N, C-alpha and C. Protein backbone atom coordinates (compact mmCIF):
# COMPACT_ATOMS: atom_id res chain seq x y z
N MET A 1 13.06 23.77 -26.56
CA MET A 1 12.33 22.33 -26.75
C MET A 1 12.92 21.57 -28.12
N THR A 2 13.22 20.64 -28.18
CA THR A 2 14.20 19.89 -29.17
C THR A 2 12.90 19.52 -30.23
N ASP A 3 13.42 19.10 -31.34
CA ASP A 3 12.31 18.29 -32.30
C ASP A 3 11.61 17.24 -31.79
N VAL A 4 12.39 16.33 -31.06
CA VAL A 4 11.94 15.10 -30.52
C VAL A 4 10.49 15.54 -29.28
N SER A 5 11.21 16.37 -28.66
CA SER A 5 10.18 16.75 -27.65
C SER A 5 8.83 17.37 -28.13
N LYS A 6 9.24 18.32 -29.43
CA LYS A 6 7.79 18.77 -29.91
C LYS A 6 7.13 17.53 -30.56
N ALA A 7 7.92 16.50 -30.84
CA ALA A 7 7.14 15.46 -31.64
C ALA A 7 6.50 14.80 -30.66
N VAL A 8 7.10 14.50 -29.32
CA VAL A 8 6.40 13.74 -28.29
C VAL A 8 4.88 14.55 -28.04
N GLY A 9 5.53 16.05 -27.86
CA GLY A 9 4.34 16.86 -27.26
C GLY A 9 3.26 16.65 -28.05
N GLU A 10 3.19 16.75 -29.40
CA GLU A 10 2.03 16.72 -30.29
C GLU A 10 1.36 15.33 -30.27
N ILE A 11 1.77 14.15 -29.38
CA ILE A 11 1.09 12.80 -29.17
C ILE A 11 0.90 12.88 -27.74
N VAL A 12 1.57 13.53 -27.02
CA VAL A 12 1.19 13.72 -25.52
C VAL A 12 0.93 14.70 -24.93
N PRO A 13 -0.05 14.91 -24.73
CA PRO A 13 -0.69 16.54 -24.39
C PRO A 13 0.19 16.86 -23.02
N PRO A 14 0.60 18.28 -22.90
CA PRO A 14 1.21 18.63 -21.38
C PRO A 14 -0.03 18.18 -20.57
N GLY A 15 0.50 17.60 -19.09
CA GLY A 15 -0.34 17.21 -17.99
C GLY A 15 -0.87 15.74 -18.07
N ILE A 16 -0.14 15.04 -19.38
CA ILE A 16 -0.39 13.69 -19.35
C ILE A 16 0.79 13.02 -19.40
N ARG A 17 1.18 11.62 -18.72
CA ARG A 17 2.42 11.25 -18.94
C ARG A 17 2.21 9.80 -19.10
N ASN A 18 2.65 8.81 -20.47
CA ASN A 18 2.36 7.71 -20.87
C ASN A 18 0.63 7.55 -20.48
N ASN A 19 0.12 8.25 -20.79
CA ASN A 19 -1.54 8.54 -21.12
C ASN A 19 -1.96 7.92 -19.60
N TRP A 20 -1.31 8.84 -18.83
CA TRP A 20 -1.88 8.62 -17.41
C TRP A 20 -1.74 10.22 -16.63
N LYS A 21 -2.76 10.61 -16.01
CA LYS A 21 -2.83 11.72 -15.25
C LYS A 21 -3.36 11.26 -13.71
N PRO A 22 -3.00 12.42 -12.82
CA PRO A 22 -3.78 11.99 -11.64
C PRO A 22 -4.95 12.01 -11.34
N ALA A 23 -5.82 11.36 -11.02
CA ALA A 23 -7.52 11.50 -10.73
C ALA A 23 -7.78 12.42 -9.83
N VAL A 24 -7.13 13.00 -8.98
CA VAL A 24 -6.93 14.18 -7.75
C VAL A 24 -5.66 14.42 -7.57
N LEU A 25 -5.50 15.83 -7.88
CA LEU A 25 -3.98 16.20 -7.37
C LEU A 25 -3.89 16.42 -6.02
N PRO A 26 -2.53 16.98 -5.39
CA PRO A 26 -2.65 16.91 -4.25
C PRO A 26 -3.28 18.62 -3.63
N ALA A 27 -3.59 18.44 -2.30
CA ALA A 27 -4.18 19.57 -1.81
C ALA A 27 -2.73 20.97 -2.01
N ASN A 28 -1.39 20.53 -1.72
CA ASN A 28 -0.39 20.96 -1.53
C ASN A 28 0.23 21.86 -2.52
N GLN A 29 0.30 23.08 -3.00
CA GLN A 29 0.91 23.32 -4.24
C GLN A 29 1.97 23.13 -4.72
N GLU A 30 2.97 23.05 -3.76
CA GLU A 30 4.35 22.53 -4.25
C GLU A 30 4.36 21.30 -4.77
N ALA A 31 3.58 20.41 -4.23
CA ALA A 31 3.40 18.62 -4.60
C ALA A 31 2.70 19.06 -5.88
N THR A 32 1.72 20.01 -6.30
CA THR A 32 1.08 19.95 -7.38
C THR A 32 2.08 20.42 -8.84
N ARG A 33 2.86 21.48 -8.38
CA ARG A 33 3.66 21.96 -9.15
C ARG A 33 4.69 20.96 -9.48
N GLN A 34 5.47 19.87 -8.48
CA GLN A 34 6.28 18.80 -8.98
C GLN A 34 5.62 17.88 -9.84
N LEU A 35 4.23 17.63 -9.30
CA LEU A 35 3.75 16.64 -10.24
C LEU A 35 3.42 17.11 -11.82
N ARG A 36 2.83 18.45 -11.77
CA ARG A 36 2.37 19.04 -13.25
C ARG A 36 3.74 19.07 -14.08
N GLU A 37 5.05 19.69 -13.47
CA GLU A 37 6.20 19.63 -14.23
C GLU A 37 6.78 18.17 -14.65
N TRP A 38 6.39 17.26 -13.79
CA TRP A 38 6.72 15.61 -14.11
C TRP A 38 5.98 15.23 -15.31
N LEU A 39 4.80 15.78 -15.41
CA LEU A 39 3.78 15.38 -16.36
C LEU A 39 4.17 15.90 -17.84
N ALA A 40 4.83 16.78 -17.95
CA ALA A 40 4.95 17.36 -19.02
C ALA A 40 6.11 16.51 -19.93
N PRO A 41 6.03 16.13 -21.32
CA PRO A 41 6.70 15.66 -22.28
C PRO A 41 8.02 15.27 -21.63
N GLU A 42 8.66 16.38 -21.24
CA GLU A 42 10.63 16.07 -21.15
C GLU A 42 10.34 14.94 -20.13
N GLU A 43 11.45 14.08 -20.28
CA GLU A 43 11.89 12.90 -19.66
C GLU A 43 12.54 13.47 -18.64
N TYR A 44 12.23 12.79 -17.28
CA TYR A 44 12.84 13.11 -15.65
C TYR A 44 11.94 12.58 -14.70
N ASP A 45 12.81 12.14 -13.61
CA ASP A 45 12.17 11.54 -12.89
C ASP A 45 11.83 12.70 -11.83
N LEU A 46 10.24 12.25 -11.16
CA LEU A 46 9.75 12.90 -10.15
C LEU A 46 10.59 13.20 -9.20
N ASN A 47 10.43 14.45 -8.76
CA ASN A 47 11.42 14.92 -7.37
C ASN A 47 10.28 15.28 -6.31
N GLY A 48 9.73 13.83 -5.38
CA GLY A 48 8.55 14.53 -4.59
C GLY A 48 9.44 14.67 -3.14
N MET A 49 10.63 14.89 -3.30
CA MET A 49 11.16 14.62 -1.76
C MET A 49 10.55 15.61 -0.76
N GLY A 50 10.08 15.57 0.61
CA GLY A 50 9.67 16.38 1.44
C GLY A 50 8.25 17.08 1.13
N CYS A 51 7.59 16.66 -0.30
CA CYS A 51 6.76 17.24 -0.64
C CYS A 51 4.95 16.45 0.15
N ASP A 52 3.99 17.21 0.33
CA ASP A 52 2.90 16.73 0.71
C ASP A 52 1.72 16.32 -0.22
N PHE A 53 1.95 15.39 -0.56
CA PHE A 53 0.70 14.56 -1.04
C PHE A 53 -0.75 14.32 -0.62
N ARG A 54 -1.10 14.73 0.71
CA ARG A 54 -2.25 14.63 1.10
C ARG A 54 -3.16 14.93 0.16
N GLY A 55 -4.21 14.50 0.16
CA GLY A 55 -5.69 14.60 -1.07
C GLY A 55 -5.61 14.13 -2.03
N ALA A 56 -4.28 13.62 -2.50
CA ALA A 56 -4.55 13.28 -3.81
C ALA A 56 -4.70 11.80 -4.29
N ASP A 57 -5.04 11.68 -5.29
CA ASP A 57 -5.27 10.02 -6.01
C ASP A 57 -4.57 9.67 -6.96
N LEU A 58 -3.01 9.17 -6.97
CA LEU A 58 -2.08 9.13 -7.98
C LEU A 58 -2.27 7.48 -8.68
N SER A 59 -3.63 6.95 -8.24
CA SER A 59 -3.85 5.42 -8.56
C SER A 59 -3.40 5.24 -10.10
N GLY A 60 -2.65 3.98 -10.41
CA GLY A 60 -2.25 3.77 -11.50
C GLY A 60 -0.80 4.33 -12.21
N GLY A 61 -0.17 5.59 -11.70
CA GLY A 61 0.73 6.58 -11.98
C GLY A 61 2.05 5.35 -12.11
N ASP A 62 2.70 5.68 -12.86
CA ASP A 62 4.27 4.96 -13.12
C ASP A 62 5.34 5.97 -12.25
N PHE A 63 5.89 5.51 -11.47
CA PHE A 63 6.40 6.60 -10.33
C PHE A 63 7.91 5.84 -10.26
N SER A 64 8.32 4.85 -11.21
CA SER A 64 9.60 3.97 -11.31
C SER A 64 10.65 5.19 -10.90
N ASP A 65 11.67 4.83 -10.11
CA ASP A 65 12.81 5.85 -9.83
C ASP A 65 12.74 7.02 -9.47
N ALA A 66 11.13 7.27 -9.08
CA ALA A 66 10.83 9.01 -8.24
C ALA A 66 11.54 8.90 -7.10
N TRP A 67 11.78 9.95 -6.65
CA TRP A 67 12.21 10.56 -5.06
C TRP A 67 11.04 10.86 -4.50
N PHE A 68 10.68 9.95 -3.41
CA PHE A 68 9.45 10.52 -2.58
C PHE A 68 10.20 10.39 -0.77
N THR A 69 11.47 10.65 -1.07
CA THR A 69 12.30 10.70 0.44
C THR A 69 11.40 11.87 1.23
N ASP A 70 10.81 11.53 2.38
CA ASP A 70 10.57 12.49 3.66
C ASP A 70 9.02 12.96 2.80
N ALA A 71 8.61 12.42 1.99
CA ALA A 71 7.30 12.69 1.59
C ALA A 71 6.18 12.60 2.59
N VAL A 72 5.12 13.44 2.34
CA VAL A 72 3.70 12.93 3.39
C VAL A 72 2.67 12.32 2.25
N LEU A 73 2.41 10.90 2.29
CA LEU A 73 1.45 10.38 1.62
C LEU A 73 0.47 9.84 2.42
N THR A 74 0.13 10.32 3.35
CA THR A 74 -0.83 9.94 4.50
C THR A 74 -2.11 10.11 3.85
N GLY A 75 -2.94 8.59 3.83
CA GLY A 75 -4.24 8.45 3.24
C GLY A 75 -4.31 8.57 1.73
N VAL A 76 -3.32 8.86 1.21
CA VAL A 76 -3.02 8.91 -0.22
C VAL A 76 -3.35 7.68 -1.01
N ARG A 77 -4.23 7.74 -2.21
CA ARG A 77 -4.46 6.25 -2.99
C ARG A 77 -3.34 6.05 -4.21
N LEU A 78 -3.21 5.12 -3.96
CA LEU A 78 -1.85 4.60 -4.69
C LEU A 78 -2.28 3.26 -5.49
N VAL A 79 -3.40 3.00 -5.52
CA VAL A 79 -4.01 1.77 -5.93
C VAL A 79 -3.19 1.49 -7.39
N GLY A 80 -2.45 0.36 -7.57
CA GLY A 80 -1.82 -0.15 -9.12
C GLY A 80 -0.81 0.95 -9.36
N ALA A 81 -0.20 1.85 -8.47
CA ALA A 81 0.92 2.70 -8.66
C ALA A 81 2.29 1.87 -8.93
N SER A 82 3.27 2.22 -9.51
CA SER A 82 4.56 1.34 -9.65
C SER A 82 5.29 2.20 -9.23
N PHE A 83 5.86 1.70 -8.20
CA PHE A 83 7.05 2.49 -7.44
C PHE A 83 8.48 1.58 -7.80
N TYR A 84 8.61 1.01 -8.92
CA TYR A 84 9.70 0.44 -9.16
C TYR A 84 11.20 1.10 -8.93
N ARG A 85 12.18 0.38 -7.89
CA ARG A 85 13.07 1.32 -7.78
C ARG A 85 13.51 3.07 -6.96
N ALA A 86 11.77 2.87 -6.56
CA ALA A 86 11.69 4.09 -6.17
C ALA A 86 12.16 4.71 -4.81
N ASP A 87 12.50 5.62 -4.16
CA ASP A 87 12.93 6.16 -3.17
C ASP A 87 11.81 6.70 -2.42
N LEU A 88 11.46 5.80 -1.33
CA LEU A 88 10.46 6.15 -0.22
C LEU A 88 10.91 6.03 1.35
N GLN A 89 12.15 6.47 1.11
CA GLN A 89 12.67 6.27 2.68
C GLN A 89 12.18 7.50 3.41
N SER A 90 11.86 7.32 4.44
CA SER A 90 11.34 8.19 5.86
C SER A 90 10.19 8.55 5.39
N ALA A 91 9.22 8.41 4.25
CA ALA A 91 7.91 8.55 3.95
C ALA A 91 6.92 8.58 4.88
N ASP A 92 5.97 9.01 5.02
CA ASP A 92 4.76 8.91 5.80
C ASP A 92 3.55 8.38 4.87
N LEU A 93 3.41 7.02 4.74
CA LEU A 93 2.17 6.20 4.28
C LEU A 93 1.22 5.79 4.81
N THR A 94 1.09 6.19 6.33
CA THR A 94 0.15 6.32 7.06
C THR A 94 -1.51 6.36 6.47
N GLY A 95 -1.90 5.14 6.37
CA GLY A 95 -3.51 5.04 6.13
C GLY A 95 -3.16 4.92 4.69
N ALA A 96 -2.07 5.10 3.65
CA ALA A 96 -2.19 5.15 2.25
C ALA A 96 -2.75 3.59 1.48
N ASP A 97 -3.48 3.92 0.36
CA ASP A 97 -4.05 2.52 -0.43
C ASP A 97 -2.97 1.97 -1.18
N LEU A 98 -1.93 1.35 -1.22
CA LEU A 98 -1.34 0.72 -2.06
C LEU A 98 -1.79 -0.78 -2.59
N THR A 99 -2.91 -0.94 -2.39
CA THR A 99 -3.39 -2.33 -3.25
C THR A 99 -2.82 -2.78 -4.49
N GLY A 100 -2.24 -3.91 -4.76
CA GLY A 100 -1.83 -3.98 -6.04
C GLY A 100 -0.77 -3.26 -6.88
N ALA A 101 -0.16 -2.45 -5.62
CA ALA A 101 1.17 -1.37 -6.40
C ALA A 101 2.22 -2.32 -6.46
N ASP A 102 3.14 -2.01 -7.14
CA ASP A 102 4.35 -2.62 -7.94
C ASP A 102 5.58 -1.73 -6.62
N LEU A 103 5.96 -2.42 -5.90
CA LEU A 103 7.22 -1.75 -5.03
C LEU A 103 8.56 -2.99 -5.27
N VAL A 104 8.65 -3.19 -6.26
CA VAL A 104 9.75 -4.10 -6.67
C VAL A 104 10.77 -3.04 -6.41
N ARG A 105 11.70 -3.49 -5.82
CA ARG A 105 13.47 -3.01 -5.34
C ARG A 105 13.11 -1.67 -4.56
N ALA A 106 11.94 -1.01 -4.18
CA ALA A 106 11.58 0.03 -3.66
C ALA A 106 12.25 0.07 -1.96
N ASN A 107 12.74 1.37 -2.10
CA ASN A 107 13.75 1.64 -0.77
C ASN A 107 12.41 2.28 0.16
N LEU A 108 12.17 1.38 1.06
CA LEU A 108 10.88 1.86 1.90
C LEU A 108 11.72 2.04 3.74
N ASP A 109 13.05 2.27 3.71
CA ASP A 109 13.60 2.20 5.04
C ASP A 109 13.04 3.53 5.74
N GLU A 110 12.81 2.90 6.98
CA GLU A 110 12.10 4.14 7.82
C GLU A 110 11.29 4.59 7.72
N ALA A 111 10.18 3.92 6.90
CA ALA A 111 9.15 4.74 6.02
C ALA A 111 7.67 4.37 7.32
N VAL A 112 6.99 4.85 7.27
CA VAL A 112 5.60 4.93 8.22
C VAL A 112 4.47 4.44 7.34
N LEU A 113 4.25 2.90 7.73
CA LEU A 113 3.11 2.31 6.94
C LEU A 113 2.20 2.06 7.71
N ARG A 114 1.78 2.70 8.95
CA ARG A 114 1.04 2.26 9.83
C ARG A 114 -0.86 2.09 9.31
N SER A 115 -1.38 1.18 9.52
CA SER A 115 -2.52 1.14 8.69
C SER A 115 -2.71 1.08 7.52
N ALA A 116 -1.54 0.87 6.82
CA ALA A 116 -1.51 0.99 5.12
C ALA A 116 -2.33 -0.07 4.71
N ARG A 117 -2.76 0.07 3.29
CA ARG A 117 -3.24 -1.54 2.64
C ARG A 117 -2.11 -1.63 1.38
N LEU A 118 -1.60 -2.83 1.33
CA LEU A 118 -0.91 -3.00 0.41
C LEU A 118 -1.07 -4.36 0.01
N ASP A 119 -2.20 -4.59 0.02
CA ASP A 119 -3.15 -6.07 -0.65
C ASP A 119 -2.76 -6.29 -1.77
N GLY A 120 -2.25 -7.42 -2.09
CA GLY A 120 -1.63 -7.92 -3.21
C GLY A 120 -0.82 -6.89 -4.17
N ALA A 121 -0.13 -6.43 -3.67
CA ALA A 121 1.19 -5.48 -3.73
C ALA A 121 2.78 -6.62 -3.89
N LYS A 122 3.29 -6.02 -5.00
CA LYS A 122 4.59 -6.94 -5.36
C LYS A 122 5.62 -6.02 -4.86
N MET A 123 6.44 -6.75 -3.96
CA MET A 123 7.71 -6.35 -3.11
C MET A 123 8.85 -7.31 -3.18
N PRO A 124 9.27 -7.70 -4.43
CA PRO A 124 10.25 -8.52 -4.67
C PRO A 124 11.62 -7.55 -4.43
N ARG A 125 12.56 -7.98 -3.50
CA ARG A 125 13.77 -7.33 -3.31
C ARG A 125 13.31 -5.65 -2.86
N ALA A 126 12.19 -5.43 -2.16
CA ALA A 126 12.21 -4.26 -1.40
C ALA A 126 12.88 -4.28 0.22
N SER A 127 13.20 -2.98 0.58
CA SER A 127 13.98 -2.72 1.43
C SER A 127 13.10 -2.27 2.59
N LEU A 128 12.65 -2.67 3.67
CA LEU A 128 11.75 -2.15 4.74
C LEU A 128 12.60 -2.26 6.14
N CYS A 129 13.59 -2.05 6.25
CA CYS A 129 14.32 -1.53 7.66
C CYS A 129 13.84 -0.49 8.46
N ASP A 130 13.54 -0.63 9.64
CA ASP A 130 13.37 -0.17 10.79
C ASP A 130 11.98 1.08 10.52
N VAL A 131 10.95 0.07 9.83
CA VAL A 131 9.47 0.52 9.14
C VAL A 131 8.90 -0.04 10.41
N ASP A 132 7.79 1.25 10.87
CA ASP A 132 6.61 0.70 11.44
C ASP A 132 5.27 0.61 10.24
N ALA A 133 5.19 -0.55 10.36
CA ALA A 133 4.01 -1.40 9.33
C ALA A 133 3.14 -1.69 10.39
N SER A 134 2.70 -1.46 11.93
CA SER A 134 1.80 -1.63 12.75
C SER A 134 0.47 -1.60 11.99
N GLY A 135 -0.44 -2.85 12.05
CA GLY A 135 -1.88 -2.32 11.80
C GLY A 135 -2.04 -2.54 10.21
N ALA A 136 -0.85 -2.75 9.18
CA ALA A 136 -0.93 -2.62 7.90
C ALA A 136 -1.35 -3.92 7.31
N SER A 137 -2.32 -3.96 6.35
CA SER A 137 -2.53 -5.06 5.46
C SER A 137 -1.74 -5.68 4.55
N PHE A 138 -1.21 -7.05 4.36
CA PHE A 138 -0.03 -7.26 3.71
C PHE A 138 -1.11 -8.87 3.08
N ARG A 139 -2.54 -8.39 2.58
CA ARG A 139 -3.25 -9.98 2.45
C ARG A 139 -2.90 -10.47 1.11
N GLY A 140 -2.38 -11.38 0.62
CA GLY A 140 -1.65 -11.55 -0.49
C GLY A 140 -0.79 -10.93 -1.19
N THR A 141 0.26 -10.37 -0.56
CA THR A 141 1.27 -9.52 -1.13
C THR A 141 2.72 -10.48 -1.36
N SER A 142 3.03 -9.97 -2.61
CA SER A 142 4.21 -11.12 -2.54
C SER A 142 5.64 -9.86 -2.08
N ILE A 143 6.08 -10.77 -1.42
CA ILE A 143 7.08 -10.32 -0.36
C ILE A 143 8.35 -11.10 -0.62
N LEU A 144 9.17 -11.19 -1.50
CA LEU A 144 9.97 -12.24 -2.13
C LEU A 144 11.57 -11.77 -2.16
N GLY A 145 12.39 -11.86 -1.63
CA GLY A 145 13.96 -11.86 -1.18
C GLY A 145 13.95 -10.25 -0.67
N ALA A 146 12.95 -10.00 0.07
CA ALA A 146 12.85 -8.41 0.62
C ALA A 146 13.76 -8.44 1.93
N SER A 147 14.03 -7.29 2.29
CA SER A 147 14.88 -7.16 3.50
C SER A 147 13.85 -6.59 4.43
N LEU A 148 13.12 -7.15 5.69
CA LEU A 148 12.18 -6.67 6.97
C LEU A 148 13.46 -6.60 8.11
N LEU A 149 13.59 -5.49 8.39
CA LEU A 149 14.89 -5.83 9.58
C LEU A 149 13.96 -4.87 10.46
N ASP A 150 13.98 -5.26 11.83
CA ASP A 150 13.58 -4.25 12.94
C ASP A 150 12.42 -3.64 12.19
N THR A 151 11.37 -4.31 11.72
CA THR A 151 10.28 -3.92 10.80
C THR A 151 9.09 -4.20 12.07
N ASP A 152 8.17 -3.06 12.42
CA ASP A 152 7.17 -3.53 13.24
C ASP A 152 5.58 -3.56 12.58
N MET A 153 5.65 -5.32 12.91
CA MET A 153 4.39 -5.69 12.02
C MET A 153 3.10 -5.88 13.40
N ARG A 154 3.35 -5.54 14.63
CA ARG A 154 2.35 -5.80 15.41
C ARG A 154 0.79 -5.36 14.88
N GLY A 155 -0.25 -6.11 14.84
CA GLY A 155 -1.44 -5.78 14.42
C GLY A 155 -1.57 -6.04 12.86
N ALA A 156 -0.73 -6.26 12.30
CA ALA A 156 -0.61 -6.27 10.41
C ALA A 156 -0.98 -7.87 10.10
N ASP A 157 -1.75 -7.70 9.07
CA ASP A 157 -2.70 -8.75 8.16
C ASP A 157 -1.56 -9.27 7.46
N LEU A 158 -1.36 -10.42 7.58
CA LEU A 158 -0.16 -11.19 6.30
C LEU A 158 -1.02 -12.46 5.81
N THR A 159 -2.60 -12.30 5.98
CA THR A 159 -3.16 -13.43 4.97
C THR A 159 -2.99 -13.75 3.92
N ASP A 160 -2.13 -14.98 3.89
CA ASP A 160 -1.95 -15.42 2.21
C ASP A 160 -0.68 -14.58 1.40
N ALA A 161 -0.08 -13.99 2.59
CA ALA A 161 1.16 -13.49 1.65
C ALA A 161 2.26 -14.54 1.43
N VAL A 162 3.23 -14.20 0.71
CA VAL A 162 3.87 -15.07 0.13
C VAL A 162 5.50 -14.51 0.11
N LEU A 163 6.22 -15.26 1.08
CA LEU A 163 7.32 -14.91 1.07
C LEU A 163 8.56 -15.79 0.92
N TYR A 164 9.81 -15.58 0.45
CA TYR A 164 10.89 -16.16 -0.16
C TYR A 164 12.01 -15.72 0.10
N GLU A 165 12.85 -16.22 0.78
CA GLU A 165 14.29 -15.97 1.17
C GLU A 165 14.27 -14.70 1.91
N ASN A 166 13.53 -14.52 2.62
CA ASN A 166 13.32 -12.66 3.08
C ASN A 166 13.98 -13.01 4.62
N PHE A 167 15.08 -11.77 4.46
CA PHE A 167 15.25 -11.55 5.94
C PHE A 167 13.97 -10.71 6.74
N PHE A 168 13.73 -11.61 7.49
CA PHE A 168 12.38 -11.26 8.47
C PHE A 168 12.39 -11.04 9.92
N GLU A 169 13.46 -10.18 10.28
CA GLU A 169 13.31 -9.76 11.70
C GLU A 169 12.21 -8.83 11.88
N VAL A 170 11.16 -9.22 12.24
CA VAL A 170 10.11 -8.37 12.59
C VAL A 170 9.63 -8.40 14.07
N LYS A 171 8.62 -7.55 14.31
CA LYS A 171 8.10 -7.55 15.68
C LYS A 171 6.50 -7.97 15.47
N VAL A 172 6.25 -8.80 16.04
CA VAL A 172 4.73 -9.29 15.91
C VAL A 172 4.11 -9.37 17.52
N ASP A 173 2.99 -9.75 17.56
CA ASP A 173 1.97 -9.71 18.61
C ASP A 173 0.76 -10.97 18.26
N ASP A 174 0.23 -11.22 19.33
CA ASP A 174 -1.01 -11.95 18.98
C ASP A 174 -2.05 -11.41 18.47
N SER A 175 -1.86 -9.92 17.79
CA SER A 175 -3.04 -9.62 16.96
C SER A 175 -2.20 -9.64 15.23
N THR A 176 -1.28 -9.97 15.22
CA THR A 176 -0.71 -10.30 13.72
C THR A 176 -1.47 -11.41 13.07
N VAL A 177 -1.60 -11.23 12.00
CA VAL A 177 -2.47 -12.35 11.35
C VAL A 177 -1.47 -13.21 10.80
N VAL A 178 -1.31 -14.37 10.61
CA VAL A 178 -0.62 -14.96 9.56
C VAL A 178 -0.93 -16.03 8.98
N HIS A 179 -2.36 -16.52 9.09
CA HIS A 179 -3.30 -17.40 8.49
C HIS A 179 -2.93 -17.05 6.79
N GLY A 180 -2.57 -18.70 6.30
CA GLY A 180 -2.41 -18.58 4.83
C GLY A 180 -0.78 -18.22 4.58
N LEU A 181 0.09 -17.45 5.60
CA LEU A 181 1.43 -17.25 5.35
C LEU A 181 2.25 -18.41 4.64
N THR A 182 2.80 -18.34 4.05
CA THR A 182 3.82 -19.56 3.18
C THR A 182 4.67 -18.54 2.90
N GLY A 183 6.00 -19.79 2.78
CA GLY A 183 7.30 -19.44 2.02
C GLY A 183 8.19 -19.63 2.68
N THR A 184 9.71 -19.00 2.54
CA THR A 184 10.93 -19.29 3.54
C THR A 184 11.64 -17.81 3.92
N VAL A 185 12.00 -17.93 5.08
CA VAL A 185 12.43 -16.83 5.88
C VAL A 185 13.72 -16.98 6.60
N PHE A 186 14.50 -16.00 7.20
CA PHE A 186 15.67 -16.50 7.67
C PHE A 186 15.46 -15.98 9.12
N GLY A 187 14.47 -15.40 9.62
CA GLY A 187 14.04 -14.75 10.73
C GLY A 187 15.69 -14.35 11.53
N PRO A 188 15.56 -14.16 12.97
CA PRO A 188 14.28 -14.59 13.92
C PRO A 188 13.05 -13.39 13.98
N ILE A 189 11.94 -13.46 14.60
CA ILE A 189 11.25 -12.57 14.63
C ILE A 189 10.87 -12.34 16.33
N THR A 190 10.41 -10.96 16.97
CA THR A 190 10.18 -10.67 17.95
C THR A 190 8.71 -10.97 18.60
N VAL A 191 8.49 -11.72 19.42
CA VAL A 191 6.96 -11.89 19.87
C VAL A 191 6.80 -10.88 20.84
N PHE A 192 5.66 -10.01 20.93
CA PHE A 192 5.82 -9.34 21.98
C PHE A 192 4.00 -9.80 22.98
N SER A 193 4.20 -10.06 24.15
CA SER A 193 2.80 -9.99 24.62
C SER A 193 3.07 -9.18 26.16
N GLY A 194 2.17 -8.08 25.73
CA GLY A 194 1.92 -7.29 27.06
C GLY A 194 3.13 -6.23 27.41
N GLU A 195 4.38 -6.39 28.38
CA GLU A 195 5.43 -5.82 28.46
C GLU A 195 6.42 -6.48 28.11
N SER A 196 6.12 -8.14 27.86
CA SER A 196 7.18 -8.96 27.77
C SER A 196 7.34 -9.18 25.97
N SER A 197 8.49 -9.42 26.01
CA SER A 197 8.81 -10.02 24.31
C SER A 197 9.92 -11.07 24.54
N ARG A 198 9.82 -12.05 23.48
CA ARG A 198 10.86 -13.11 23.04
C ARG A 198 11.16 -13.32 21.98
N GLU A 199 12.07 -14.23 21.65
CA GLU A 199 12.66 -13.91 20.21
C GLU A 199 12.36 -15.57 19.72
N LEU A 200 11.94 -15.85 18.43
CA LEU A 200 11.63 -16.84 18.08
C LEU A 200 12.49 -17.16 16.56
N ALA A 201 13.03 -18.21 16.54
CA ALA A 201 13.86 -18.68 15.47
C ALA A 201 13.69 -19.82 15.08
N GLY A 202 14.09 -20.63 13.53
CA GLY A 202 14.27 -21.92 13.48
C GLY A 202 12.94 -22.79 13.76
N ALA A 203 12.67 -23.69 14.48
CA ALA A 203 11.73 -24.69 14.47
C ALA A 203 10.65 -24.01 15.47
N GLU A 204 11.00 -23.08 16.41
CA GLU A 204 9.90 -22.65 17.08
C GLU A 204 9.25 -21.61 16.51
N LEU A 205 9.70 -20.73 15.57
CA LEU A 205 9.35 -19.89 14.76
C LEU A 205 8.36 -20.45 13.71
N GLU A 206 8.81 -21.64 13.30
CA GLU A 206 7.79 -22.22 12.15
C GLU A 206 6.78 -22.88 13.03
N VAL A 207 6.68 -23.51 14.26
CA VAL A 207 5.53 -23.76 15.13
C VAL A 207 4.74 -22.44 15.51
N TRP A 208 5.47 -21.43 15.87
CA TRP A 208 4.47 -20.25 15.92
C TRP A 208 3.67 -20.14 15.25
N ILE A 209 4.10 -19.96 13.82
CA ILE A 209 3.45 -19.54 12.67
C ILE A 209 2.59 -20.60 12.49
N GLY A 210 2.75 -21.87 12.28
CA GLY A 210 2.01 -23.14 11.90
C GLY A 210 0.55 -23.17 13.01
N ALA A 211 0.93 -22.51 14.15
CA ALA A 211 0.13 -22.59 14.97
C ALA A 211 -1.48 -21.78 14.73
N ARG A 212 -0.88 -21.08 13.96
CA ARG A 212 -1.79 -19.53 13.60
C ARG A 212 -2.48 -19.50 11.98
N GLY A 213 -2.21 -20.94 11.63
CA GLY A 213 -2.46 -21.14 10.22
C GLY A 213 -1.30 -20.89 8.98
N GLY A 214 -0.12 -20.47 9.22
CA GLY A 214 0.40 -20.33 8.04
C GLY A 214 1.34 -21.59 8.16
N GLN A 215 2.32 -21.44 7.31
CA GLN A 215 3.43 -22.69 6.59
C GLN A 215 4.40 -22.16 6.21
N VAL A 216 5.66 -21.90 7.18
CA VAL A 216 6.64 -21.14 6.75
C VAL A 216 7.99 -21.79 7.00
N GLN A 217 8.82 -22.02 6.20
CA GLN A 217 10.37 -22.65 6.54
C GLN A 217 11.01 -21.51 7.06
N VAL A 218 11.76 -21.71 8.06
CA VAL A 218 12.59 -20.95 8.42
C VAL A 218 14.30 -21.57 8.06
N ILE A 219 14.90 -21.05 7.29
CA ILE A 219 16.35 -21.31 6.53
C ILE A 219 17.32 -20.66 7.08
N PRO A 220 18.48 -21.38 7.39
CA PRO A 220 19.72 -20.53 7.40
C PRO A 220 20.23 -19.52 6.80
N PRO A 221 20.81 -18.55 7.57
CA PRO A 221 21.11 -17.46 6.37
C PRO A 221 22.72 -18.12 5.24
N ARG A 222 22.11 -17.45 4.23
CA ARG A 222 23.74 -17.81 3.60
C ARG A 222 24.69 -17.40 3.63
N ARG A 223 25.51 -18.06 3.83
CA ARG A 223 27.00 -17.49 4.12
C ARG A 223 27.64 -16.73 3.21
N PRO A 224 28.26 -15.69 3.37
CA PRO A 224 29.04 -14.99 2.36
C PRO A 224 30.05 -15.64 1.93
N PRO A 225 30.29 -15.29 0.27
CA PRO A 225 31.32 -16.05 -0.21
C PRO A 225 32.60 -15.81 0.16
N LYS A 226 33.28 -16.69 0.08
CA LYS A 226 34.63 -16.70 0.52
C LYS A 226 35.61 -15.68 -0.49
């Protein structure tokens, strides 16, 4: 251990990182081991790839640049946690509580967010491609400049969520709530009704959202630079 590490160790006791430690550790021993090593004073990014974090309460943790690829985070409390630039690709976040979480530039491609709570979360520049977010709650969430491509939002709640120049190629149905949804999107969306579906873009998409209490402007995609 270097002199600097020793000095830091005197200030930050083992098992605490930036004055934070988990309220509850995961039930899985390997996930707990990874967390404990990461909580030590040495600087490196958390490697939770493929780990099972079920049973944990990691609220308030700073997991910037961490790796949660293929991790199991089902039902985990992650309230106010930071996942800035974190890799959550293919992670299972079914029923997870991400209220107020920082997901700026997070990679959530192919993740499962079924019935997850992301109320008030910040998601600028996040990537949600091929994501199952059915039944998830995005109440008051800031989804700015994000990419939502082939994202299933059937039954999701987007009340008072804010969009800005998002690729918003999502799947919705009559149970998807868009009341108070505002901002700008590129579209199109696919609306499912029973066994049938239809694609809405442009003015039709604006009317569909407007009829349900939202106010969104559909804008043409930016042309690539010549």
